[in-house]
Amino acid sequence: MSQQNLYALPIDGAQFTTYCGGNLGGDNETCAEVAPIPGVADAFVVRDNKQAGAGSELRLTGGEMDNLALGWARDRGLTA
């Protein structure tokens, strides 16, 4: 992917998948939402699902997202 400012891209219409921590339940559940950035190959947006986290997001290339996920799984000793 060429150097592109992912934060300058609109995310209108992004289809988010929600991943929850299972710790509080209901409106207080700790969840992260992940979606491909529409119209961009191999780029993602990650955000908090709670109102307090509104507007806070990370935007990552596919490679950055892979490194994050694989590094996290490795460091936590997780396997599929």
Protein backbone atom coordinates (compact mmCIF):
# COMPACT_ATOMS: atom_id res chain seq x y z
CA MET A 1 0.00 0.00 0.00
CA SER A 2 1.39 3.41 -0.90
CA GLN A 3 1.83 6.06 1.76
CA GLN A 4 -1.70 7.32 2.27
CA ASN A 5 -3.15 9.33 5.12
CA LEU A 6 -5.79 6.88 6.31
CA TYR A 7 -7.19 9.50 8.70
CA ALA A 8 -8.08 11.76 5.77
CA LEU A 9 -10.41 9.11 4.30
CA PRO A 10 -14.15 9.00 5.02
CA ILE A 11 -15.51 5.92 6.77
CA ASP A 12 -19.18 6.54 5.91
CA GLY A 13 -20.79 3.21 5.17
CA ALA A 14 -18.08 1.16 6.91
CA GLN A 15 -19.40 -2.24 8.03
CA PHE A 16 -18.12 -2.77 11.57
CA THR A 17 -17.71 -6.10 13.36
CA THR A 18 -17.91 -5.88 17.15
CA TYR A 19 -15.58 -7.85 19.41
CA CYS A 20 -16.48 -7.80 23.12
CA GLY A 21 -14.48 -8.65 26.21
CA GLY A 22 -17.28 -10.39 28.05
CA ASN A 23 -16.56 -8.63 31.30
CA LEU A 24 -19.47 -6.31 32.12
CA GLY A 25 -22.39 -7.04 29.83
CA GLY A 26 -25.15 -4.71 28.69
CA ASP A 27 -24.39 -1.07 27.93
CA ASN A 28 -21.15 -1.30 29.91
CA GLU A 29 -19.65 -4.15 27.89
CA THR A 30 -16.09 -3.46 26.75
CA CYS A 31 -16.07 -3.81 22.97
CA ALA A 32 -13.91 -2.82 20.03
CA GLU A 33 -15.30 -2.44 16.54
CA VAL A 34 -13.28 -3.13 13.39
CA ALA A 35 -14.14 -2.38 9.76
CA PRO A 36 -12.41 -2.19 6.41
CA ILE A 37 -12.15 1.43 5.25
CA PRO A 38 -14.59 1.68 2.32
CA GLY A 39 -12.99 2.05 -1.09
CA VAL A 40 -9.45 1.38 0.17
CA ALA A 41 -7.64 -1.91 -0.33
CA ASP A 42 -6.21 -3.40 2.85
CA ALA A 43 -6.92 -0.64 5.38
CA PHE A 44 -8.96 -0.76 8.59
CA VAL A 45 -10.52 1.43 11.25
CA VAL A 46 -10.72 0.32 14.91
CA ARG A 47 -12.92 2.15 17.41
CA ASP A 48 -14.46 1.90 20.87
CA ASN A 49 -18.17 1.08 20.82
CA LYS A 50 -19.08 3.16 23.89
CA GLN A 51 -20.22 6.78 23.73
CA ALA A 52 -17.27 7.87 25.91
CA GLY A 53 -14.94 6.57 23.21
CA ALA A 54 -16.78 8.24 20.32
CA GLY A 55 -14.42 9.93 17.90
CA SER A 56 -11.39 7.97 19.13
CA GLU A 57 -10.18 5.55 16.51
CA LEU A 58 -7.12 3.94 15.03
CA ARG A 59 -6.62 3.46 11.33
CA LEU A 60 -4.22 0.76 10.23
CA THR A 61 -2.98 -0.81 7.04
CA GLY A 62 -3.56 -4.53 6.67
CA GLY A 63 0.08 -5.22 7.55
CA GLU A 64 -0.14 -3.09 10.69
CA MET A 65 -3.39 -4.80 11.69
CA ASP A 66 -1.84 -8.23 11.12
CA ASN A 67 1.21 -7.31 13.23
CA LEU A 68 -1.04 -6.03 16.00
CA ALA A 69 -3.24 -9.13 16.03
CA LEU A 70 -0.42 -11.66 15.70
CA GLY A 71 1.78 -9.88 18.24
CA TRP A 72 -1.08 -9.69 20.73
CA ALA A 73 -1.93 -13.38 20.29
CA ARG A 74 1.74 -14.37 20.62
CA ASP A 75 2.33 -12.25 23.71
CA ARG A 76 -0.83 -13.63 25.35
CA GLY A 77 0.00 -17.24 24.43
CA LEU A 78 -3.22 -17.58 22.40
CA THR A 79 -3.81 -20.09 19.63
CA ALA A 80 -6.71 -20.57 17.22
